[in-house]
Amino acid sequence: MNASTAVILVILLAVLIVGVKSYMKKLASGCCGSSDAVKKVRPQDTDSGHYPYHKSVSVEGMMCENCARRVENAFNARPGMMAKASAQKKCAEVWSKEPLDDEMIRRAISEAGYSAVSIR
């Protein structure tokens, strides 16, 4: 093995070590890179039976529970609304006491940093 091959191997090994450490940190702290959990915003009314309007939303970009909580918070902070999101299922259930406008749902999810793929 010549010197240039050895240098290339050392560089590749260093890149591999940095990549593995970064991935392990991501697994430990969530995809959002924060070890602090996102604080959950509770809706004013937690009984879904009190909300006559309901929509299911497919959400693109949610990878961890912090992501799901951000989507939930986008709705739970609004009066007369409640949401439950699942990063595993890549969806959110949104309830409201007023008729739900699809554009408002898309905007709220976009402001949280994600994309609404479909609304049913």
PDB file of N, CA and C in Angstrom:
ATOM      1  N   MET A   1       0.861  -1.167   0.000  1.00  0.00           N
ATOM      2  CA  MET A   1       0.000   0.000   0.000  1.00  0.00           C
ATOM      3  C   MET A   1       0.908   1.231   0.000  1.00  0.00           C
ATOM      4  N   ASN A   2       0.634   2.145  -0.917  1.00  0.00           N
ATOM      5  CA  ASN A   2       1.461   3.354  -0.965  1.00  0.00           C
ATOM      6  C   ASN A   2       0.873   4.440  -0.068  1.00  0.00           C
ATOM      7  N   ALA A   3       1.568   5.536   0.082  1.00  0.00           N
ATOM      8  CA  ALA A   3       1.185   6.608   1.005  1.00  0.00           C
ATOM      9  C   ALA A   3      -0.127   7.272   0.611  1.00  0.00           C
ATOM     10  N   SER A   4      -0.377   7.466  -0.677  1.00  0.00           N
ATOM     11  CA  SER A   4      -1.617   8.132  -1.094  1.00  0.00           C
ATOM     12  C   SER A   4      -2.842   7.260  -0.806  1.00  0.00           C
ATOM     13  N   THR A   5      -2.721   5.953  -0.942  1.00  0.00           N
ATOM     14  CA  THR A   5      -3.810   5.049  -0.615  1.00  0.00           C
ATOM     15  C   THR A   5      -4.097   5.087   0.881  1.00  0.00           C
ATOM     16  N   ALA A   6      -3.064   5.134   1.682  1.00  0.00           N
ATOM     17  CA  ALA A   6      -3.226   5.191   3.137  1.00  0.00           C
ATOM     18  C   ALA A   6      -3.926   6.484   3.554  1.00  0.00           C
ATOM     19  N   VAL A   7      -3.561   7.595   2.939  1.00  0.00           N
ATOM     20  CA  VAL A   7      -4.185   8.881   3.257  1.00  0.00           C
ATOM     21  C   VAL A   7      -5.668   8.852   2.895  1.00  0.00           C
ATOM     22  N   ILE A   8      -5.977   8.305   1.731  1.00  0.00           N
ATOM     23  CA  ILE A   8      -7.380   8.218   1.307  1.00  0.00           C
ATOM     24  C   ILE A   8      -8.173   7.338   2.273  1.00  0.00           C
ATOM     25  N   LEU A   9      -7.617   6.234   2.707  1.00  0.00           N
ATOM     26  CA  LEU A   9      -8.298   5.356   3.662  1.00  0.00           C
ATOM     27  C   LEU A   9      -8.534   6.055   4.998  1.00  0.00           C
ATOM     28  N   VAL A  10      -7.575   6.817   5.466  1.00  0.00           N
ATOM     29  CA  VAL A  10      -7.729   7.547   6.728  1.00  0.00           C
ATOM     30  C   VAL A  10      -8.841   8.584   6.597  1.00  0.00           C
ATOM     31  N   ILE A  11      -8.882   9.286   5.482  1.00  0.00           N
ATOM     32  CA  ILE A  11      -9.921  10.290   5.259  1.00  0.00           C
ATOM     33  C   ILE A  11     -11.289   9.622   5.206  1.00  0.00           C
ATOM     34  N   LEU A  12     -11.413   8.525   4.475  1.00  0.00           N
ATOM     35  CA  LEU A  12     -12.690   7.807   4.401  1.00  0.00           C
ATOM     36  C   LEU A  12     -13.125   7.298   5.775  1.00  0.00           C
ATOM     37  N   LEU A  13     -12.182   6.811   6.557  1.00  0.00           N
ATOM     38  CA  LEU A  13     -12.499   6.336   7.903  1.00  0.00           C
ATOM     39  C   LEU A  13     -12.984   7.491   8.784  1.00  0.00           C
ATOM     40  N   ALA A  14     -12.348   8.653   8.683  1.00  0.00           N
ATOM     41  CA  ALA A  14     -12.759   9.817   9.469  1.00  0.00           C
ATOM     42  C   ALA A  14     -14.175  10.254   9.074  1.00  0.00           C
ATOM     43  N   VAL A  15     -14.467  10.282   7.783  1.00  0.00           N
ATOM     44  CA  VAL A  15     -15.802  10.657   7.311  1.00  0.00           C
ATOM     45  C   VAL A  15     -16.835   9.649   7.821  1.00  0.00           C
ATOM     46  N   LEU A  16     -16.509   8.375   7.785  1.00  0.00           N
ATOM     47  CA  LEU A  16     -17.411   7.332   8.271  1.00  0.00           C
ATOM     48  C   LEU A  16     -17.689   7.505   9.762  1.00  0.00           C
ATOM     49  N   ILE A  17     -16.674   7.770  10.544  1.00  0.00           N
ATOM     50  CA  ILE A  17     -16.844   7.952  11.998  1.00  0.00           C
ATOM     51  C   ILE A  17     -17.729   9.169  12.280  1.00  0.00           C
ATOM     52  N   VAL A  18     -17.482  10.275  11.605  1.00  0.00           N
ATOM     53  CA  VAL A  18     -18.292  11.474  11.802  1.00  0.00           C
ATOM     54  C   VAL A  18     -19.742  11.201  11.402  1.00  0.00           C
ATOM     55  N   GLY A  19     -19.949  10.500  10.302  1.00  0.00           N
ATOM     56  CA  GLY A  19     -21.299  10.178   9.855  1.00  0.00           C
ATOM     57  C   GLY A  19     -22.048   9.303  10.845  1.00  0.00           C
ATOM     58  N   VAL A  20     -21.380   8.296  11.382  1.00  0.00           N
ATOM     59  CA  VAL A  20     -22.012   7.399  12.355  1.00  0.00           C
ATOM     60  C   VAL A  20     -22.344   8.154  13.634  1.00  0.00           C
ATOM     61  N   LYS A  21     -21.434   8.983  14.111  1.00  0.00           N
ATOM     62  CA  LYS A  21     -21.705   9.773  15.320  1.00  0.00           C
ATOM     63  C   LYS A  21     -22.882  10.715  15.109  1.00  0.00           C
ATOM     64  N   SER A  22     -22.942  11.352  13.942  1.00  0.00           N
ATOM     65  CA  SER A  22     -24.044  12.259  13.644  1.00  0.00           C
ATOM     66  C   SER A  22     -25.369  11.507  13.608  1.00  0.00           C
ATOM     67  N   TYR A  23     -25.370  10.342  12.997  1.00  0.00           N
ATOM     68  CA  TYR A  23     -26.592   9.541  12.916  1.00  0.00           C
ATOM     69  C   TYR A  23     -27.029   9.071  14.301  1.00  0.00           C
ATOM     70  N   MET A  24     -26.098   8.681  15.129  1.00  0.00           N
ATOM     71  CA  MET A  24     -26.428   8.249  16.493  1.00  0.00           C
ATOM     72  C   MET A  24     -27.019   9.410  17.288  1.00  0.00           C
ATOM     73  N   LYS A  25     -26.492  10.604  17.111  1.00  0.00           N
ATOM     74  CA  LYS A  25     -27.033  11.780  17.790  1.00  0.00           C
ATOM     75  C   LYS A  25     -28.457  12.053  17.314  1.00  0.00           C
ATOM     76  N   LYS A  26     -28.664  11.901  16.014  1.00  0.00           N
ATOM     77  CA  LYS A  26     -29.989  12.116  15.450  1.00  0.00           C
ATOM     78  C   LYS A  26     -30.990  11.116  16.013  1.00  0.00           C
ATOM     79  N   LEU A  27     -30.586   9.871  16.140  1.00  0.00           N
ATOM     80  CA  LEU A  27     -31.468   8.855  16.707  1.00  0.00           C
ATOM     81  C   LEU A  27     -31.809   9.163  18.164  1.00  0.00           C
ATOM     82  N   ALA A  28     -30.841   9.663  18.896  1.00  0.00           N
ATOM     83  CA  ALA A  28     -31.054   9.954  20.319  1.00  0.00           C
ATOM     84  C   ALA A  28     -31.917  11.189  20.537  1.00  0.00           C
ATOM     85  N   SER A  29     -31.823  12.159  19.636  1.00  0.00           N
ATOM     86  CA  SER A  29     -32.504  13.431  19.878  1.00  0.00           C
ATOM     87  C   SER A  29     -33.653  13.713  18.929  1.00  0.00           C
ATOM     88  N   GLY A  30     -33.915  12.847  17.978  1.00  0.00           N
ATOM     89  CA  GLY A  30     -34.971  13.104  17.012  1.00  0.00           C
ATOM     90  C   GLY A  30     -34.404  13.785  15.786  1.00  0.00           C
ATOM     91  N   CYS A  31     -35.166  13.781  14.726  1.00  0.00           N
ATOM     92  CA  CYS A  31     -34.670  14.313  13.459  1.00  0.00           C
ATOM     93  C   CYS A  31     -34.468  15.818  13.506  1.00  0.00           C
ATOM     94  N   CYS A  32     -35.099  16.454  14.449  1.00  0.00           N
ATOM     95  CA  CYS A  32     -35.040  17.909  14.524  1.00  0.00           C
ATOM     96  C   CYS A  32     -33.727  18.402  15.144  1.00  0.00           C
ATOM     97  N   GLY A  33     -32.879  17.464  15.560  1.00  0.00           N
ATOM     98  CA  GLY A  33     -31.575  17.825  16.077  1.00  0.00           C
ATOM     99  C   GLY A  33     -31.591  18.447  17.447  1.00  0.00           C
ATOM    100  N   SER A  34     -32.659  18.314  18.162  1.00  0.00           N
ATOM    101  CA  SER A  34     -32.767  18.917  19.480  1.00  0.00           C
ATOM    102  C   SER A  34     -32.978  17.825  20.514  1.00  0.00           C
ATOM    103  N   SER A  35     -32.222  17.875  21.574  1.00  0.00           N
ATOM    104  CA  SER A  35     -32.432  16.892  22.636  1.00  0.00           C
ATOM    105  C   SER A  35     -33.612  17.300  23.522  1.00  0.00           C
ATOM    106  N   ASP A  36     -34.054  18.542  23.383  1.00  0.00           N
ATOM    107  CA  ASP A  36     -35.204  19.016  24.149  1.00  0.00           C
ATOM    108  C   ASP A  36     -36.487  18.681  23.403  1.00  0.00           C
ATOM    109  N   ALA A  37     -37.414  18.080  24.114  1.00  0.00           N
ATOM    110  CA  ALA A  37     -38.696  17.766  23.503  1.00  0.00           C
ATOM    111  C   ALA A  37     -39.488  19.047  23.290  1.00  0.00           C
ATOM    112  N   VAL A  38     -40.244  19.075  22.209  1.00  0.00           N
ATOM    113  CA  VAL A  38     -41.112  20.215  21.922  1.00  0.00           C
ATOM    114  C   VAL A  38     -42.246  20.188  22.942  1.00  0.00           C
ATOM    115  N   LYS A  39     -42.473  21.316  23.589  1.00  0.00           N
ATOM    116  CA  LYS A  39     -43.529  21.393  24.596  1.00  0.00           C
ATOM    117  C   LYS A  39     -44.896  21.276  23.931  1.00  0.00           C
ATOM    118  N   LYS A  40     -45.736  20.428  24.485  1.00  0.00           N
ATOM    119  CA  LYS A  40     -47.060  20.180  23.915  1.00  0.00           C
ATOM    120  C   LYS A  40     -48.029  21.283  24.317  1.00  0.00           C
ATOM    121  N   VAL A  41     -48.732  21.828  23.325  1.00  0.00           N
ATOM    122  CA  VAL A  41     -49.794  22.805  23.557  1.00  0.00           C
ATOM    123  C   VAL A  41     -51.092  22.014  23.683  1.00  0.00           C
ATOM    124  N   ARG A  42     -51.782  22.194  24.767  1.00  0.00           N
ATOM    125  CA  ARG A  42     -53.048  21.487  24.998  1.00  0.00           C
ATOM    126  C   ARG A  42     -54.206  22.302  24.427  1.00  0.00           C
ATOM    127  N   PRO A  43     -55.130  21.642  23.749  1.00  0.00           N
ATOM    128  CA  PRO A  43     -56.304  22.372  23.258  1.00  0.00           C
ATOM    129  C   PRO A  43     -57.191  22.774  24.423  1.00  0.00           C
ATOM    130  N   GLN A  44     -58.010  23.780  24.214  1.00  0.00           N
ATOM    131  CA  GLN A  44     -58.905  24.234  25.279  1.00  0.00           C
ATOM    132  C   GLN A  44     -59.898  23.151  25.667  1.00  0.00           C
ATOM    133  N   ASP A  45     -60.352  22.376  24.689  1.00  0.00           N
ATOM    134  CA  ASP A  45     -61.336  21.312  24.913  1.00  0.00           C
ATOM    135  C   ASP A  45     -60.746  20.025  24.350  1.00  0.00           C
ATOM    136  N   THR A  46     -60.545  19.006  25.181  1.00  0.00           N
ATOM    137  CA  THR A  46     -59.896  17.776  24.737  1.00  0.00           C
ATOM    138  C   THR A  46     -60.873  16.661  24.365  1.00  0.00           C
ATOM    139  N   ASP A  47     -62.170  16.934  24.397  1.00  0.00           N
ATOM    140  CA  ASP A  47     -63.173  15.928  24.055  1.00  0.00           C
ATOM    141  C   ASP A  47     -63.515  16.038  22.574  1.00  0.00           C
ATOM    142  N   SER A  48     -63.070  15.066  21.770  1.00  0.00           N
ATOM    143  CA  SER A  48     -63.311  15.138  20.323  1.00  0.00           C
ATOM    144  C   SER A  48     -64.797  15.118  19.982  1.00  0.00           C
ATOM    145  N   GLY A  49     -65.647  14.649  20.890  1.00  0.00           N
ATOM    146  CA  GLY A  49     -67.084  14.663  20.669  1.00  0.00           C
ATOM    147  C   GLY A  49     -67.683  16.061  20.631  1.00  0.00           C
ATOM    148  N   HIS A  50     -66.949  17.030  21.138  1.00  0.00           N
ATOM    149  CA  HIS A  50     -67.416  18.415  21.136  1.00  0.00           C
ATOM    150  C   HIS A  50     -67.085  19.142  19.832  1.00  0.00           C
ATOM    151  N   TYR A  51     -66.389  18.456  18.937  1.00  0.00           N
ATOM    152  CA  TYR A  51     -65.971  19.061  17.670  1.00  0.00           C
ATOM    153  C   TYR A  51     -66.747  18.417  16.526  1.00  0.00           C
ATOM    154  N   PRO A  52     -67.685  19.135  15.922  1.00  0.00           N
ATOM    155  CA  PRO A  52     -68.500  18.524  14.871  1.00  0.00           C
ATOM    156  C   PRO A  52     -67.781  18.349  13.524  1.00  0.00           C
ATOM    157  N   TYR A  53     -66.651  19.029  13.322  1.00  0.00           N
ATOM    158  CA  TYR A  53     -65.955  18.963  12.044  1.00  0.00           C
ATOM    159  C   TYR A  53     -64.632  18.228  12.215  1.00  0.00           C
ATOM    160  N   HIS A  54     -64.317  17.347  11.265  1.00  0.00           N
ATOM    161  CA  HIS A  54     -63.117  16.515  11.359  1.00  0.00           C
ATOM    162  C   HIS A  54     -62.522  16.308   9.972  1.00  0.00           C
ATOM    163  N   LYS A  55     -61.202  16.357   9.888  1.00  0.00           N
ATOM    164  CA  LYS A  55     -60.497  16.060   8.635  1.00  0.00           C
ATOM    165  C   LYS A  55     -59.253  15.240   8.972  1.00  0.00           C
ATOM    166  N   SER A  56     -58.908  14.323   8.065  1.00  0.00           N
ATOM    167  CA  SER A  56     -57.658  13.568   8.138  1.00  0.00           C
ATOM    168  C   SER A  56     -56.712  14.162   7.111  1.00  0.00           C
ATOM    169  N   VAL A  57     -55.478  14.393   7.525  1.00  0.00           N
ATOM    170  CA  VAL A  57     -54.504  15.048   6.658  1.00  0.00           C
ATOM    171  C   VAL A  57     -53.250  14.187   6.561  1.00  0.00           C
ATOM    172  N   SER A  58     -52.832  13.878   5.345  1.00  0.00           N
ATOM    173  CA  SER A  58     -51.544  13.222   5.138  1.00  0.00           C
ATOM    174  C   SER A  58     -50.480  14.316   5.153  1.00  0.00           C
ATOM    175  N   VAL A  59     -49.460  14.124   5.987  1.00  0.00           N
ATOM    176  CA  VAL A  59     -48.450  15.163   6.177  1.00  0.00           C
ATOM    177  C   VAL A  59     -47.086  14.638   5.758  1.00  0.00           C
ATOM    178  N   GLU A  60     -46.425  15.377   4.902  1.00  0.00           N
ATOM    179  CA  GLU A  60     -45.094  15.010   4.442  1.00  0.00           C
ATOM    180  C   GLU A  60     -44.046  15.752   5.263  1.00  0.00           C
ATOM    181  N   GLY A  61     -43.012  15.033   5.681  1.00  0.00           N
ATOM    182  CA  GLY A  61     -41.899  15.660   6.374  1.00  0.00           C
ATOM    183  C   GLY A  61     -41.810  15.345   7.850  1.00  0.00           C
ATOM    184  N   MET A  62     -42.867  14.802   8.443  1.00  0.00           N
ATOM    185  CA  MET A  62     -42.801  14.433   9.863  1.00  0.00           C
ATOM    186  C   MET A  62     -41.944  13.177  10.000  1.00  0.00           C
ATOM    187  N   MET A  63     -40.915  13.254  10.846  1.00  0.00           N
ATOM    188  CA  MET A  63     -40.017  12.119  11.010  1.00  0.00           C
ATOM    189  C   MET A  63     -39.976  11.587  12.446  1.00  0.00           C
ATOM    190  N   CYS A  64     -40.290  12.434  13.410  1.00  0.00           N
ATOM    191  CA  CYS A  64     -40.167  12.015  14.813  1.00  0.00           C
ATOM    192  C   CYS A  64     -41.338  12.592  15.618  1.00  0.00           C
ATOM    193  N   GLU A  65     -41.365  12.265  16.887  1.00  0.00           N
ATOM    194  CA  GLU A  65     -42.455  12.757  17.743  1.00  0.00           C
ATOM    195  C   GLU A  65     -42.404  14.275  17.922  1.00  0.00           C
ATOM    196  N   ASN A  66     -41.223  14.870  17.875  1.00  0.00           N
ATOM    197  CA  ASN A  66     -41.139  16.333  17.937  1.00  0.00           C
ATOM    198  C   ASN A  66     -41.835  16.955  16.725  1.00  0.00           C
ATOM    199  N   CYS A  67     -41.659  16.335  15.551  1.00  0.00           N
ATOM    200  CA  CYS A  67     -42.333  16.821  14.342  1.00  0.00           C
ATOM    201  C   CYS A  67     -43.855  16.738  14.512  1.00  0.00           C
ATOM    202  N   ALA A  68     -44.320  15.580  14.992  1.00  0.00           N
ATOM    203  CA  ALA A  68     -45.763  15.391  15.184  1.00  0.00           C
ATOM    204  C   ALA A  68     -46.306  16.408  16.175  1.00  0.00           C
ATOM    205  N   ARG A  69     -45.571  16.669  17.233  1.00  0.00           N
ATOM    206  CA  ARG A  69     -46.021  17.628  18.234  1.00  0.00           C
ATOM    207  C   ARG A  69     -46.099  19.031  17.646  1.00  0.00           C
ATOM    208  N   ARG A  70     -45.170  19.394  16.750  1.00  0.00           N
ATOM    209  CA  ARG A  70     -45.231  20.715  16.112  1.00  0.00           C
ATOM    210  C   ARG A  70     -46.510  20.859  15.277  1.00  0.00           C
ATOM    211  N   VAL A  71     -46.881  19.791  14.566  1.00  0.00           N
ATOM    212  CA  VAL A  71     -48.109  19.825  13.770  1.00  0.00           C
ATOM    213  C   VAL A  71     -49.316  19.943  14.693  1.00  0.00           C
ATOM    214  N   GLU A  72     -49.352  19.149  15.755  1.00  0.00           N
ATOM    215  CA  GLU A  72     -50.456  19.238  16.721  1.00  0.00           C
ATOM    216  C   GLU A  72     -50.558  20.652  17.291  1.00  0.00           C
ATOM    217  N   ASN A  73     -49.424  21.204  17.689  1.00  0.00           N
ATOM    218  CA  ASN A  73     -49.417  22.536  18.295  1.00  0.00           C
ATOM    219  C   ASN A  73     -49.938  23.609  17.343  1.00  0.00           C
ATOM    220  N   ALA A  74     -49.707  23.426  16.039  1.00  0.00           N
ATOM    221  CA  ALA A  74     -50.182  24.403  15.055  1.00  0.00           C
ATOM    222  C   ALA A  74     -51.701  24.545  15.119  1.00  0.00           C
ATOM    223  N   PHE A  75     -52.394  23.480  15.505  1.00  0.00           N
ATOM    224  CA  PHE A  75     -53.851  23.523  15.607  1.00  0.00           C
ATOM    225  C   PHE A  75     -54.317  23.715  17.048  1.00  0.00           C
ATOM    226  N   ASN A  76     -53.679  23.036  17.991  1.00  0.00           N
ATOM    227  CA  ASN A  76     -54.121  23.111  19.388  1.00  0.00           C
ATOM    228  C   ASN A  76     -54.013  24.518  19.962  1.00  0.00           C
ATOM    229  N   ALA A  77     -53.142  25.335  19.411  1.00  0.00           N
ATOM    230  CA  ALA A  77     -52.996  26.715  19.895  1.00  0.00           C
ATOM    231  C   ALA A  77     -54.138  27.615  19.405  1.00  0.00           C
ATOM    232  N   ARG A  78     -54.906  27.141  18.459  1.00  0.00           N
ATOM    233  CA  ARG A  78     -56.013  27.924  17.907  1.00  0.00           C
ATOM    234  C   ARG A  78     -57.300  27.623  18.664  1.00  0.00           C
ATOM    235  N   PRO A  79     -58.061  28.635  19.011  1.00  0.00           N
ATOM    236  CA  PRO A  79     -59.325  28.397  19.719  1.00  0.00           C
ATOM    237  C   PRO A  79     -60.286  27.563  18.863  1.00  0.00           C
ATOM    238  N   GLY A  80     -60.950  26.612  19.503  1.00  0.00           N
ATOM    239  CA  GLY A  80     -61.939  25.796  18.816  1.00  0.00           C
ATOM    240  C   GLY A  80     -61.367  24.713  17.937  1.00  0.00           C
ATOM    241  N   MET A  81     -60.076  24.394  18.125  1.00  0.00           N
ATOM    242  CA  MET A  81     -59.445  23.355  17.311  1.00  0.00           C
ATOM    243  C   MET A  81     -58.667  22.386  18.188  1.00  0.00           C
ATOM    244  N   MET A  82     -58.534  21.166  17.673  1.00  0.00           N
ATOM    245  CA  MET A  82     -57.744  20.135  18.340  1.00  0.00           C
ATOM    246  C   MET A  82     -57.149  19.234  17.265  1.00  0.00           C
ATOM    247  N   ALA A  83     -55.928  18.722  17.496  1.00  0.00           N
ATOM    248  CA  ALA A  83     -55.303  17.831  16.526  1.00  0.00           C
ATOM    249  C   ALA A  83     -54.506  16.746  17.237  1.00  0.00           C
ATOM    250  N   LYS A  84     -54.407  15.614  16.577  1.00  0.00           N
ATOM    251  CA  LYS A  84     -53.546  14.500  16.984  1.00  0.00           C
ATOM    252  C   LYS A  84     -52.756  14.122  15.753  1.00  0.00           C
ATOM    253  N   ALA A  85     -51.432  14.053  15.867  1.00  0.00           N
ATOM    254  CA  ALA A  85     -50.583  13.712  14.728  1.00  0.00           C
ATOM    255  C   ALA A  85     -49.751  12.478  15.044  1.00  0.00           C
ATOM    256  N   SER A  86     -49.421  11.728  14.019  1.00  0.00           N
ATOM    257  CA  SER A  86     -48.584  10.536  14.155  1.00  0.00           C
ATOM    258  C   SER A  86     -47.458  10.601  13.141  1.00  0.00           C
ATOM    259  N   ALA A  87     -46.226  10.629  13.629  1.00  0.00           N
ATOM    260  CA  ALA A  87     -45.074  10.632  12.732  1.00  0.00           C
ATOM    261  C   ALA A  87     -44.959   9.292  12.019  1.00  0.00           C
ATOM    262  N   GLN A  88     -45.308   8.202  12.701  1.00  0.00           N
ATOM    263  CA  GLN A  88     -45.240   6.878  12.087  1.00  0.00           C
ATOM    264  C   GLN A  88     -46.201   6.744  10.917  1.00  0.00           C
ATOM    265  N   LYS A  89     -47.423   7.221  11.101  1.00  0.00           N
ATOM    266  CA  LYS A  89     -48.444   7.103  10.059  1.00  0.00           C
ATOM    267  C   LYS A  89     -48.383   8.248   9.057  1.00  0.00           C
ATOM    268  N   LYS A  90     -47.595   9.287   9.374  1.00  0.00           N
ATOM    269  CA  LYS A  90     -47.459  10.473   8.521  1.00  0.00           C
ATOM    270  C   LYS A  90     -48.811  11.148   8.281  1.00  0.00           C
ATOM    271  N   CYS A  91     -49.600  11.247   9.359  1.00  0.00           N
ATOM    272  CA  CYS A  91     -50.911  11.874   9.212  1.00  0.00           C
ATOM    273  C   CYS A  91     -51.286  12.638  10.474  1.00  0.00           C
ATOM    274  N   ALA A  92     -52.284  13.482  10.308  1.00  0.00           N
ATOM    275  CA  ALA A  92     -52.821  14.242  11.439  1.00  0.00           C
ATOM    276  C   ALA A  92     -54.340  14.210  11.345  1.00  0.00           C
ATOM    277  N   GLU A  93     -54.968  14.104  12.493  1.00  0.00           N
ATOM    278  CA  GLU A  93     -56.419  14.197  12.598  1.00  0.00           C
ATOM    279  C   GLU A  93     -56.707  15.572  13.188  1.00  0.00           C
ATOM    280  N   VAL A  94     -57.552  16.339  12.513  1.00  0.00           N
ATOM    281  CA  VAL A  94     -57.851  17.708  12.934  1.00  0.00           C
ATOM    282  C   VAL A  94     -59.348  17.825  13.191  1.00  0.00           C
ATOM    283  N   TRP A  95     -59.694  18.327  14.367  1.00  0.00           N
ATOM    284  CA  TRP A  95     -61.085  18.558  14.737  1.00  0.00           C
ATOM    285  C   TRP A  95     -61.301  20.057  14.941  1.00  0.00           C
ATOM    286  N   SER A  96     -62.526  20.501  14.640  1.00  0.00           N
ATOM    287  CA  SER A  96     -62.828  21.919  14.796  1.00  0.00           C
ATOM    288  C   SER A  96     -64.290  22.106  15.163  1.00  0.00           C
ATOM    289  N   LYS A  97     -64.555  23.208  15.841  1.00  0.00           N
ATOM    290  CA  LYS A  97     -65.929  23.567  16.186  1.00  0.00           C
ATOM    291  C   LYS A  97     -66.569  24.399  15.085  1.00  0.00           C
ATOM    292  N   GLU A  98     -65.771  24.873  14.151  1.00  0.00           N
ATOM    293  CA  GLU A  98     -66.224  25.631  12.989  1.00  0.00           C
ATOM    294  C   GLU A  98     -65.852  24.838  11.736  1.00  0.00           C
ATOM    295  N   PRO A  99     -66.529  25.074  10.616  1.00  0.00           N
ATOM    296  CA  PRO A  99     -66.163  24.365   9.382  1.00  0.00           C
ATOM    297  C   PRO A  99     -64.680  24.550   9.065  1.00  0.00           C
ATOM    298  N   LEU A 100     -64.051  23.466   8.614  1.00  0.00           N
ATOM    299  CA  LEU A 100     -62.619  23.476   8.321  1.00  0.00           C
ATOM    300  C   LEU A 100     -62.368  23.838   6.860  1.00  0.00           C
ATOM    301  N   ASP A 101     -61.519  24.823   6.656  1.00  0.00           N
ATOM    302  CA  ASP A 101     -61.116  25.248   5.327  1.00  0.00           C
ATOM    303  C   ASP A 101     -59.801  24.548   4.981  1.00  0.00           C
ATOM    304  N   ASP A 102     -59.767  23.826   3.848  1.00  0.00           N
ATOM    305  CA  ASP A 102     -58.569  23.089   3.464  1.00  0.00           C
ATOM    306  C   ASP A 102     -57.343  23.993   3.344  1.00  0.00           C
ATOM    307  N   GLU A 103     -57.533  25.196   2.829  1.00  0.00           N
ATOM    308  CA  GLU A 103     -56.394  26.113   2.669  1.00  0.00           C
ATOM    309  C   GLU A 103     -55.825  26.525   4.028  1.00  0.00           C
ATOM    310  N   MET A 104     -56.687  26.732   5.022  1.00  0.00           N
ATOM    311  CA  MET A 104     -56.209  27.076   6.361  1.00  0.00           C
ATOM    312  C   MET A 104     -55.413  25.915   6.950  1.00  0.00           C
ATOM    313  N   ILE A 105     -55.869  24.697   6.719  1.00  0.00           N
ATOM    314  CA  ILE A 105     -55.152  23.518   7.208  1.00  0.00           C
ATOM    315  C   ILE A 105     -53.779  23.438   6.555  1.00  0.00           C
ATOM    316  N   ARG A 106     -53.734  23.624   5.238  1.00  0.00           N
ATOM    317  CA  ARG A 106     -52.440  23.591   4.524  1.00  0.00           C
ATOM    318  C   ARG A 106     -51.494  24.678   5.040  1.00  0.00           C
ATOM    319  N   ARG A 107     -52.034  25.860   5.275  1.00  0.00           N
ATOM    320  CA  ARG A 107     -51.216  26.976   5.747  1.00  0.00           C
ATOM    321  C   ARG A 107     -50.663  26.695   7.149  1.00  0.00           C
ATOM    322  N   ALA A 108     -51.499  26.173   8.046  1.00  0.00           N
ATOM    323  CA  ALA A 108     -51.056  25.878   9.415  1.00  0.00           C
ATOM    324  C   ALA A 108     -49.952  24.823   9.411  1.00  0.00           C
ATOM    325  N   ILE A 109     -50.108  23.801   8.588  1.00  0.00           N
ATOM    326  CA  ILE A 109     -49.090  22.748   8.509  1.00  0.00           C
ATOM    327  C   ILE A 109     -47.818  23.293   7.877  1.00  0.00           C
ATOM    328  N   SER A 110     -47.962  24.123   6.868  1.00  0.00           N
ATOM    329  CA  SER A 110     -46.796  24.743   6.231  1.00  0.00           C
ATOM    330  C   SER A 110     -46.045  25.638   7.203  1.00  0.00           C
ATOM    331  N   GLU A 111     -46.761  26.425   7.996  1.00  0.00           N
ATOM    332  CA  GLU A 111     -46.124  27.296   8.984  1.00  0.00           C
ATOM    333  C   GLU A 111     -45.390  26.492  10.056  1.00  0.00           C
ATOM    334  N   ALA A 112     -45.833  25.252  10.295  1.00  0.00           N
ATOM    335  CA  ALA A 112     -45.149  24.384  11.252  1.00  0.00           C
ATOM    336  C   ALA A 112     -43.909  23.749  10.627  1.00  0.00           C
ATOM    337  N   GLY A 113     -43.762  23.877   9.300  1.00  0.00           N
ATOM    338  CA  GLY A 113     -42.562  23.366   8.621  1.00  0.00           C
ATOM    339  C   GLY A 113     -42.768  22.097   7.827  1.00  0.00           C
ATOM    340  N   TYR A 114     -44.014  21.749   7.535  1.00  0.00           N
ATOM    341  CA  TYR A 114     -44.313  20.492   6.859  1.00  0.00           C
ATOM    342  C   TYR A 114     -45.265  20.754   5.694  1.00  0.00           C
ATOM    343  N   SER A 115     -45.623  19.710   4.951  1.00  0.00           N
ATOM    344  CA  SER A 115     -46.506  19.855   3.804  1.00  0.00           C
ATOM    345  C   SER A 115     -47.723  18.950   3.931  1.00  0.00           C
ATOM    346  N   ALA A 116     -48.882  19.505   3.677  1.00  0.00           N
ATOM    347  CA  ALA A 116     -50.113  18.710   3.643  1.00  0.00           C
ATOM    348  C   ALA A 116     -50.221  18.104   2.249  1.00  0.00           C
ATOM    349  N   VAL A 117     -50.196  16.767   2.185  1.00  0.00           N
ATOM    350  CA  VAL A 117     -50.243  16.085   0.889  1.00  0.00           C
ATOM    351  C   VAL A 117     -51.683  15.914   0.436  1.00  0.00           C
ATOM    352  N   SER A 118     -52.531  15.427   1.336  1.00  0.00           N
ATOM    353  CA  SER A 118     -53.940  15.263   0.997  1.00  0.00           C
ATOM    354  C   SER A 118     -54.789  15.511   2.238  1.00  0.00           C
ATOM    355  N   ILE A 119     -55.996  15.994   1.989  1.00  0.00           N
ATOM    356  CA  ILE A 119     -56.934  16.288   3.075  1.00  0.00           C
ATOM    357  C   ILE A 119     -58.240  15.581   2.746  1.00  0.00           C
ATOM    358  N   ARG A 120     -58.735  14.768   3.727  1.00  0.00           N
ATOM    359  CA  ARG A 120     -60.008  14.068   3.519  1.00  0.00           C
ATOM    360  C   ARG A 120     -60.910  14.291   4.694  1.00  0.00           C
TER     361      ARG A 120
END
